[in-house]
Amino acid sequence: MFRNFLKFQRCCRRALNTDVSASPTGVQVLESLYWKERDMLLWSRLQEEAMMLIDEPMLGEWFESTILASSSLHEAISSIVARKMSREMADTRMRLESLEYLTSQILANDERIGADIIAIMSRDPAAMSYLQVVQFFKGFHAVQAQRCA
C-alpha cells in the first residue's frame, strides 16, 4: 500500500512539473479567467491526471467511477460528495442515486467550486495536484457538503 502511495505521489509531482497550470503563475492565470472557462480547464486537467493513474490497483476504480464517469467538474464533485455522505458512518438513509441527484442539482452552476480548488492549490503547500485536492482533501469535501445542506 505504501508503494502505491509513493507511486501516486511521484505521478502527481511529475504532472506538476510538466504542467504550466499547476505552477504559481498558472494558478494566477486560472484565477483571472471567467469561472466557466476556468472550470472547463480544471475539468480537463482533472481528467488528464485521472487517466495517468487509471492503472493503479487500489485507486484506479475510484478515479474511473468518480472523475472519468462524470461529464463535468460539478458532476464529479457532486458524485464524490454524495458518496461521502451516503456511507454508513454518515447515518444517511438516502440512496446514493438520490444523494447524487440532489447534490448535482445544488452544485450545478456553483462558481465557488473551481475557486475553492484554485485557492487550495495556491495556498496549501501539501496540495500536489488538482486530482488530489478534489479526491482526498476532507476540508474541500466538507465545504461542498455544507453548501448542499
N, C-alpha and C. Protein backbone atom coordinates (compact mmCIF):
# COMPACT_ATOMS: atom_id res chain seq x y z
N MET A 1 0.83 -1.19 0.00
CA MET A 1 0.00 0.00 0.00
C MET A 1 0.87 1.26 0.00
N PHE A 2 1.95 1.22 0.79
CA PHE A 2 2.83 2.37 0.85
C PHE A 2 3.49 2.63 -0.50
N ARG A 3 3.82 1.55 -1.24
CA ARG A 3 4.41 1.71 -2.57
C ARG A 3 3.42 2.39 -3.52
N ASN A 4 2.13 2.03 -3.40
CA ASN A 4 1.12 2.66 -4.25
C ASN A 4 1.02 4.15 -3.95
N PHE A 5 1.12 4.51 -2.66
CA PHE A 5 1.09 5.92 -2.30
C PHE A 5 2.29 6.65 -2.89
N LEU A 6 3.46 6.05 -2.79
CA LEU A 6 4.65 6.68 -3.35
C LEU A 6 4.54 6.84 -4.86
N LYS A 7 3.97 5.84 -5.53
CA LYS A 7 3.78 5.94 -6.97
C LYS A 7 2.81 7.08 -7.29
N PHE A 8 1.73 7.19 -6.52
CA PHE A 8 0.76 8.28 -6.70
C PHE A 8 1.44 9.62 -6.50
N GLN A 9 2.26 9.71 -5.45
CA GLN A 9 2.95 10.96 -5.15
C GLN A 9 3.92 11.34 -6.27
N ARG A 10 4.69 10.37 -6.77
CA ARG A 10 5.62 10.65 -7.88
C ARG A 10 4.88 11.09 -9.12
N CYS A 11 3.75 10.43 -9.40
CA CYS A 11 2.97 10.78 -10.58
C CYS A 11 2.42 12.20 -10.46
N CYS A 12 1.96 12.56 -9.27
CA CYS A 12 1.45 13.91 -9.07
C CYS A 12 2.55 14.94 -9.22
N ARG A 13 3.71 14.65 -8.68
CA ARG A 13 4.81 15.60 -8.80
C ARG A 13 5.27 15.74 -10.24
N ARG A 14 5.31 14.60 -10.97
CA ARG A 14 5.70 14.65 -12.37
C ARG A 14 4.68 15.47 -13.16
N ALA A 15 3.40 15.29 -12.86
CA ALA A 15 2.37 16.05 -13.54
C ALA A 15 2.50 17.53 -13.22
N LEU A 16 2.85 17.84 -11.97
CA LEU A 16 3.02 19.23 -11.59
C LEU A 16 4.20 19.85 -12.32
N ASN A 17 5.29 19.11 -12.45
CA ASN A 17 6.47 19.66 -13.08
C ASN A 17 6.30 19.87 -14.57
N THR A 18 5.41 19.13 -15.21
CA THR A 18 5.26 19.25 -16.65
C THR A 18 4.07 20.11 -17.04
N ASP A 19 3.31 20.57 -16.07
CA ASP A 19 2.10 21.32 -16.40
C ASP A 19 2.21 22.77 -15.96
N VAL A 20 1.91 23.67 -16.87
CA VAL A 20 2.00 25.09 -16.57
C VAL A 20 0.92 25.52 -15.59
N SER A 21 -0.30 24.92 -15.69
CA SER A 21 -1.41 25.37 -14.87
C SER A 21 -1.20 25.07 -13.39
N ALA A 22 -0.27 24.20 -13.04
CA ALA A 22 -0.03 23.90 -11.63
C ALA A 22 1.03 24.80 -11.02
N SER A 23 1.74 25.56 -11.83
CA SER A 23 2.74 26.47 -11.31
C SER A 23 2.06 27.70 -10.70
N PRO A 24 2.75 28.46 -9.85
CA PRO A 24 2.11 29.64 -9.26
C PRO A 24 1.57 30.61 -10.30
N THR A 25 2.29 30.81 -11.39
CA THR A 25 1.78 31.71 -12.42
C THR A 25 0.59 31.09 -13.14
N GLY A 26 0.59 29.76 -13.29
CA GLY A 26 -0.55 29.09 -13.91
C GLY A 26 -1.80 29.22 -13.06
N VAL A 27 -1.64 29.14 -11.74
CA VAL A 27 -2.78 29.32 -10.84
C VAL A 27 -3.31 30.74 -10.96
N GLN A 28 -2.41 31.71 -11.09
CA GLN A 28 -2.85 33.10 -11.25
C GLN A 28 -3.63 33.28 -12.56
N VAL A 29 -3.21 32.60 -13.61
CA VAL A 29 -3.94 32.66 -14.88
C VAL A 29 -5.33 32.08 -14.71
N LEU A 30 -5.43 30.94 -14.03
CA LEU A 30 -6.74 30.32 -13.80
C LEU A 30 -7.63 31.22 -12.96
N GLU A 31 -7.05 31.94 -11.99
CA GLU A 31 -7.85 32.84 -11.16
C GLU A 31 -8.43 33.98 -11.97
N SER A 32 -7.75 34.39 -13.02
CA SER A 32 -8.20 35.55 -13.79
C SER A 32 -9.23 35.21 -14.86
N LEU A 33 -9.45 33.92 -15.13
CA LEU A 33 -10.41 33.53 -16.16
C LEU A 33 -11.84 33.63 -15.67
N TYR A 34 -12.77 33.77 -16.62
CA TYR A 34 -14.18 33.68 -16.31
C TYR A 34 -14.44 32.30 -15.72
N TRP A 35 -15.33 32.18 -14.74
CA TRP A 35 -15.44 30.95 -13.97
C TRP A 35 -15.82 29.73 -14.80
N LYS A 36 -16.60 29.87 -15.85
CA LYS A 36 -16.95 28.70 -16.66
C LYS A 36 -15.75 28.21 -17.47
N GLU A 37 -14.96 29.14 -18.00
CA GLU A 37 -13.74 28.76 -18.70
C GLU A 37 -12.74 28.11 -17.75
N ARG A 38 -12.62 28.69 -16.57
CA ARG A 38 -11.72 28.15 -15.54
C ARG A 38 -12.12 26.73 -15.17
N ASP A 39 -13.43 26.52 -14.96
CA ASP A 39 -13.89 25.19 -14.59
C ASP A 39 -13.70 24.17 -15.71
N MET A 40 -13.82 24.60 -16.96
CA MET A 40 -13.56 23.69 -18.07
C MET A 40 -12.09 23.30 -18.13
N LEU A 41 -11.19 24.26 -17.88
CA LEU A 41 -9.76 23.95 -17.84
C LEU A 41 -9.43 23.04 -16.66
N LEU A 42 -10.03 23.31 -15.51
CA LEU A 42 -9.82 22.44 -14.36
C LEU A 42 -10.33 21.03 -14.64
N TRP A 43 -11.48 20.94 -15.29
CA TRP A 43 -12.06 19.64 -15.60
C TRP A 43 -11.15 18.85 -16.54
N SER A 44 -10.62 19.49 -17.57
CA SER A 44 -9.73 18.77 -18.48
C SER A 44 -8.45 18.34 -17.76
N ARG A 45 -7.95 19.18 -16.85
CA ARG A 45 -6.76 18.84 -16.08
C ARG A 45 -7.03 17.65 -15.15
N LEU A 46 -8.20 17.63 -14.50
CA LEU A 46 -8.56 16.51 -13.63
C LEU A 46 -8.66 15.21 -14.41
N GLN A 47 -9.24 15.28 -15.59
CA GLN A 47 -9.34 14.08 -16.42
C GLN A 47 -7.97 13.56 -16.83
N GLU A 48 -7.06 14.46 -17.18
CA GLU A 48 -5.70 14.06 -17.55
C GLU A 48 -5.00 13.38 -16.38
N GLU A 49 -5.11 13.98 -15.19
CA GLU A 49 -4.46 13.40 -14.02
C GLU A 49 -5.06 12.04 -13.67
N ALA A 50 -6.37 11.90 -13.80
CA ALA A 50 -7.03 10.62 -13.51
C ALA A 50 -6.61 9.56 -14.53
N MET A 51 -6.46 9.94 -15.78
CA MET A 51 -6.04 8.98 -16.81
C MET A 51 -4.62 8.48 -16.55
N MET A 52 -3.76 9.33 -16.00
CA MET A 52 -2.39 8.92 -15.70
C MET A 52 -2.36 7.88 -14.59
N LEU A 53 -3.38 7.86 -13.74
CA LEU A 53 -3.40 6.95 -12.59
C LEU A 53 -4.44 5.85 -12.70
N ILE A 54 -5.02 5.68 -13.87
CA ILE A 54 -6.11 4.71 -14.04
C ILE A 54 -5.65 3.27 -13.83
N ASP A 55 -4.38 2.99 -14.03
CA ASP A 55 -3.86 1.64 -13.88
C ASP A 55 -3.49 1.30 -12.44
N GLU A 56 -3.64 2.23 -11.53
CA GLU A 56 -3.36 1.96 -10.12
C GLU A 56 -4.31 0.89 -9.59
N PRO A 57 -3.80 -0.15 -8.94
CA PRO A 57 -4.68 -1.23 -8.49
C PRO A 57 -5.69 -0.81 -7.43
N MET A 58 -5.32 0.09 -6.54
CA MET A 58 -6.23 0.45 -5.46
C MET A 58 -7.06 1.69 -5.77
N LEU A 59 -6.56 2.59 -6.58
CA LEU A 59 -7.24 3.86 -6.82
C LEU A 59 -7.88 3.97 -8.20
N GLY A 60 -7.49 3.12 -9.12
CA GLY A 60 -7.97 3.22 -10.49
C GLY A 60 -9.47 3.16 -10.62
N GLU A 61 -10.10 2.23 -9.92
CA GLU A 61 -11.56 2.12 -9.99
C GLU A 61 -12.25 3.35 -9.42
N TRP A 62 -11.70 3.88 -8.34
CA TRP A 62 -12.28 5.07 -7.72
C TRP A 62 -12.21 6.26 -8.69
N PHE A 63 -11.07 6.46 -9.33
CA PHE A 63 -10.93 7.55 -10.29
C PHE A 63 -11.88 7.35 -11.47
N GLU A 64 -12.00 6.11 -11.90
CA GLU A 64 -12.87 5.82 -13.04
C GLU A 64 -14.34 6.07 -12.70
N SER A 65 -14.76 5.70 -11.49
CA SER A 65 -16.17 5.85 -11.13
C SER A 65 -16.54 7.27 -10.74
N THR A 66 -15.57 8.07 -10.33
CA THR A 66 -15.91 9.44 -9.92
C THR A 66 -15.53 10.48 -10.98
N ILE A 67 -14.29 10.50 -11.39
CA ILE A 67 -13.83 11.53 -12.33
C ILE A 67 -14.17 11.16 -13.77
N LEU A 68 -13.74 10.00 -14.20
CA LEU A 68 -13.87 9.65 -15.62
C LEU A 68 -15.29 9.30 -16.03
N ALA A 69 -16.14 8.91 -15.08
CA ALA A 69 -17.53 8.60 -15.41
C ALA A 69 -18.40 9.85 -15.44
N SER A 70 -17.88 10.96 -14.98
CA SER A 70 -18.65 12.21 -14.94
C SER A 70 -18.42 13.01 -16.21
N SER A 71 -19.36 13.90 -16.48
CA SER A 71 -19.25 14.70 -17.70
C SER A 71 -18.81 16.14 -17.44
N SER A 72 -18.72 16.53 -16.18
CA SER A 72 -18.28 17.89 -15.87
C SER A 72 -17.66 17.93 -14.48
N LEU A 73 -17.01 19.03 -14.18
CA LEU A 73 -16.40 19.21 -12.87
C LEU A 73 -17.45 19.15 -11.77
N HIS A 74 -18.56 19.83 -11.99
CA HIS A 74 -19.61 19.89 -10.97
C HIS A 74 -20.25 18.52 -10.75
N GLU A 75 -20.39 17.75 -11.80
CA GLU A 75 -20.95 16.41 -11.66
C GLU A 75 -20.00 15.50 -10.89
N ALA A 76 -18.71 15.62 -11.15
CA ALA A 76 -17.72 14.82 -10.44
C ALA A 76 -17.70 15.17 -8.95
N ILE A 77 -17.72 16.46 -8.64
CA ILE A 77 -17.73 16.89 -7.24
C ILE A 77 -19.01 16.40 -6.56
N SER A 78 -20.13 16.48 -7.26
CA SER A 78 -21.40 16.00 -6.71
C SER A 78 -21.32 14.51 -6.40
N SER A 79 -20.73 13.76 -7.29
CA SER A 79 -20.59 12.33 -7.09
C SER A 79 -19.71 12.01 -5.89
N ILE A 80 -18.61 12.71 -5.76
CA ILE A 80 -17.70 12.47 -4.63
C ILE A 80 -18.37 12.83 -3.31
N VAL A 81 -19.02 13.99 -3.26
CA VAL A 81 -19.69 14.43 -2.03
C VAL A 81 -20.82 13.47 -1.67
N ALA A 82 -21.60 13.04 -2.66
CA ALA A 82 -22.70 12.11 -2.40
C ALA A 82 -22.18 10.78 -1.87
N ARG A 83 -21.08 10.30 -2.41
CA ARG A 83 -20.50 9.04 -1.92
C ARG A 83 -20.02 9.18 -0.48
N LYS A 84 -19.44 10.33 -0.16
CA LYS A 84 -19.01 10.55 1.22
C LYS A 84 -20.21 10.62 2.16
N MET A 85 -21.28 11.26 1.73
CA MET A 85 -22.46 11.43 2.57
C MET A 85 -23.28 10.15 2.69
N SER A 86 -23.17 9.23 1.75
CA SER A 86 -24.01 8.04 1.78
C SER A 86 -23.37 6.87 2.52
N ARG A 87 -22.19 7.04 3.00
CA ARG A 87 -21.52 5.96 3.75
C ARG A 87 -22.28 5.65 5.02
N GLU A 88 -22.11 4.47 5.52
CA GLU A 88 -22.81 4.02 6.73
C GLU A 88 -22.53 4.92 7.93
N MET A 89 -21.31 5.43 8.02
CA MET A 89 -20.94 6.27 9.16
C MET A 89 -21.69 7.60 9.15
N ALA A 90 -22.17 8.02 7.99
CA ALA A 90 -22.85 9.30 7.89
C ALA A 90 -24.28 9.23 8.42
N ASP A 91 -24.78 8.03 8.71
CA ASP A 91 -26.13 7.83 9.22
C ASP A 91 -27.17 8.45 8.27
N THR A 92 -26.97 8.26 6.99
CA THR A 92 -27.89 8.76 5.98
C THR A 92 -28.73 7.60 5.48
N ARG A 93 -30.02 7.80 5.41
CA ARG A 93 -30.89 6.74 4.95
C ARG A 93 -31.28 6.91 3.48
N MET A 94 -30.69 7.88 2.83
CA MET A 94 -30.98 8.10 1.41
C MET A 94 -30.08 7.23 0.56
N ARG A 95 -30.59 6.81 -0.57
CA ARG A 95 -29.79 6.02 -1.50
C ARG A 95 -28.78 6.91 -2.19
N LEU A 96 -27.70 6.29 -2.67
CA LEU A 96 -26.63 7.02 -3.33
C LEU A 96 -27.15 7.78 -4.54
N GLU A 97 -28.00 7.16 -5.33
CA GLU A 97 -28.53 7.80 -6.54
C GLU A 97 -29.31 9.08 -6.19
N SER A 98 -30.09 9.03 -5.11
CA SER A 98 -30.86 10.20 -4.68
C SER A 98 -29.93 11.32 -4.22
N LEU A 99 -28.90 10.95 -3.45
CA LEU A 99 -27.94 11.95 -2.99
C LEU A 99 -27.17 12.55 -4.16
N GLU A 100 -26.77 11.73 -5.13
CA GLU A 100 -26.07 12.26 -6.30
C GLU A 100 -26.95 13.24 -7.06
N TYR A 101 -28.23 12.91 -7.21
CA TYR A 101 -29.15 13.79 -7.92
C TYR A 101 -29.30 15.13 -7.17
N LEU A 102 -29.50 15.06 -5.86
CA LEU A 102 -29.68 16.29 -5.08
C LEU A 102 -28.42 17.15 -5.09
N THR A 103 -27.27 16.54 -4.86
CA THR A 103 -26.04 17.33 -4.86
C THR A 103 -25.73 17.91 -6.23
N SER A 104 -26.04 17.16 -7.28
CA SER A 104 -25.78 17.70 -8.63
C SER A 104 -26.70 18.88 -8.94
N GLN A 105 -27.93 18.84 -8.46
CA GLN A 105 -28.85 19.96 -8.67
C GLN A 105 -28.40 21.21 -7.91
N ILE A 106 -27.89 21.00 -6.71
CA ILE A 106 -27.47 22.13 -5.88
C ILE A 106 -26.16 22.73 -6.38
N LEU A 107 -25.21 21.89 -6.75
CA LEU A 107 -23.87 22.36 -7.14
C LEU A 107 -23.72 22.61 -8.64
N ALA A 108 -24.81 22.48 -9.40
CA ALA A 108 -24.73 22.51 -10.87
C ALA A 108 -24.04 23.76 -11.41
N ASN A 109 -24.38 24.91 -10.97
CA ASN A 109 -23.79 26.14 -11.51
C ASN A 109 -23.12 26.97 -10.42
N ASP A 110 -22.51 26.28 -9.50
CA ASP A 110 -21.84 26.96 -8.39
C ASP A 110 -20.42 27.34 -8.82
N GLU A 111 -20.17 28.61 -8.96
CA GLU A 111 -18.86 29.07 -9.42
C GLU A 111 -17.80 28.99 -8.33
N ARG A 112 -18.20 28.73 -7.11
CA ARG A 112 -17.25 28.69 -6.00
C ARG A 112 -16.43 27.40 -5.98
N ILE A 113 -16.91 26.34 -6.63
CA ILE A 113 -16.19 25.06 -6.60
C ILE A 113 -14.80 25.22 -7.22
N GLY A 114 -14.73 25.75 -8.41
CA GLY A 114 -13.44 25.97 -9.06
C GLY A 114 -12.58 26.94 -8.29
N ALA A 115 -13.20 27.98 -7.72
CA ALA A 115 -12.44 28.95 -6.93
C ALA A 115 -11.84 28.29 -5.69
N ASP A 116 -12.58 27.36 -5.08
CA ASP A 116 -12.05 26.64 -3.92
C ASP A 116 -10.84 25.80 -4.30
N ILE A 117 -10.92 25.11 -5.43
CA ILE A 117 -9.81 24.26 -5.87
C ILE A 117 -8.57 25.12 -6.15
N ILE A 118 -8.76 26.24 -6.82
CA ILE A 118 -7.65 27.15 -7.12
C ILE A 118 -7.06 27.71 -5.84
N ALA A 119 -7.92 28.08 -4.88
CA ALA A 119 -7.43 28.63 -3.62
C ALA A 119 -6.60 27.60 -2.85
N ILE A 120 -7.06 26.37 -2.83
CA ILE A 120 -6.30 25.32 -2.14
C ILE A 120 -4.96 25.09 -2.82
N MET A 121 -4.95 25.02 -4.14
CA MET A 121 -3.69 24.79 -4.87
C MET A 121 -2.71 25.94 -4.66
N SER A 122 -3.21 27.17 -4.58
CA SER A 122 -2.30 28.31 -4.46
C SER A 122 -1.83 28.54 -3.03
N ARG A 123 -2.59 28.06 -2.02
CA ARG A 123 -2.25 28.38 -0.63
C ARG A 123 -1.75 27.20 0.19
N ASP A 124 -2.05 25.99 -0.23
CA ASP A 124 -1.69 24.82 0.58
C ASP A 124 -0.45 24.14 -0.01
N PRO A 125 0.66 24.16 0.71
CA PRO A 125 1.87 23.54 0.17
C PRO A 125 1.76 22.02 0.06
N ALA A 126 0.81 21.41 0.75
CA ALA A 126 0.64 19.96 0.68
C ALA A 126 -0.12 19.52 -0.58
N ALA A 127 -0.78 20.45 -1.24
CA ALA A 127 -1.55 20.12 -2.44
C ALA A 127 -0.59 19.94 -3.62
N MET A 128 -0.52 18.70 -4.11
CA MET A 128 0.40 18.40 -5.20
C MET A 128 -0.28 18.42 -6.56
N SER A 129 -1.59 18.15 -6.60
CA SER A 129 -2.30 18.11 -7.88
C SER A 129 -3.77 18.45 -7.65
N TYR A 130 -4.42 18.82 -8.73
CA TYR A 130 -5.85 19.12 -8.67
C TYR A 130 -6.64 17.87 -8.30
N LEU A 131 -6.21 16.74 -8.81
CA LEU A 131 -6.89 15.48 -8.52
C LEU A 131 -6.81 15.16 -7.03
N GLN A 132 -5.68 15.39 -6.43
CA GLN A 132 -5.52 15.14 -5.00
C GLN A 132 -6.47 16.03 -4.20
N VAL A 133 -6.59 17.29 -4.57
CA VAL A 133 -7.48 18.21 -3.86
C VAL A 133 -8.92 17.73 -3.96
N VAL A 134 -9.36 17.39 -5.16
CA VAL A 134 -10.75 17.01 -5.38
C VAL A 134 -11.08 15.67 -4.73
N GLN A 135 -10.17 14.73 -4.76
CA GLN A 135 -10.47 13.39 -4.27
C GLN A 135 -10.21 13.21 -2.77
N PHE A 136 -9.21 13.86 -2.21
CA PHE A 136 -8.76 13.48 -0.88
C PHE A 136 -8.77 14.56 0.18
N PHE A 137 -9.00 15.81 -0.16
CA PHE A 137 -8.96 16.86 0.85
C PHE A 137 -10.32 16.95 1.55
N LYS A 138 -10.35 16.53 2.80
CA LYS A 138 -11.60 16.46 3.55
C LYS A 138 -12.21 17.84 3.79
N GLY A 139 -11.40 18.84 3.94
CA GLY A 139 -11.92 20.20 4.12
C GLY A 139 -12.68 20.66 2.89
N PHE A 140 -12.16 20.34 1.73
CA PHE A 140 -12.84 20.68 0.48
C PHE A 140 -14.19 19.95 0.40
N HIS A 141 -14.21 18.67 0.77
CA HIS A 141 -15.46 17.90 0.76
C HIS A 141 -16.46 18.48 1.76
N ALA A 142 -15.96 18.89 2.93
CA ALA A 142 -16.84 19.43 3.95
C ALA A 142 -17.49 20.73 3.49
N VAL A 143 -16.73 21.57 2.83
CA VAL A 143 -17.29 22.85 2.34
C VAL A 143 -18.37 22.58 1.30
N GLN A 144 -18.12 21.65 0.38
CA GLN A 144 -19.11 21.33 -0.65
C GLN A 144 -20.36 20.69 -0.04
N ALA A 145 -20.18 19.83 0.95
CA ALA A 145 -21.33 19.21 1.63
C ALA A 145 -22.14 20.26 2.39
N GLN A 146 -21.45 21.23 2.99
CA GLN A 146 -22.15 22.30 3.71
C GLN A 146 -22.99 23.13 2.74
N ARG A 147 -22.50 23.35 1.55
CA ARG A 147 -23.28 24.10 0.56
C ARG A 147 -24.53 23.34 0.13
N CYS A 148 -24.45 22.02 0.20
CA CYS A 148 -25.62 21.20 -0.17
C CYS A 148 -26.64 21.14 0.95
N ALA A 149 -26.20 21.40 2.19
CA ALA A 149 -27.10 21.27 3.34
C ALA A 149 -28.17 22.35 3.38
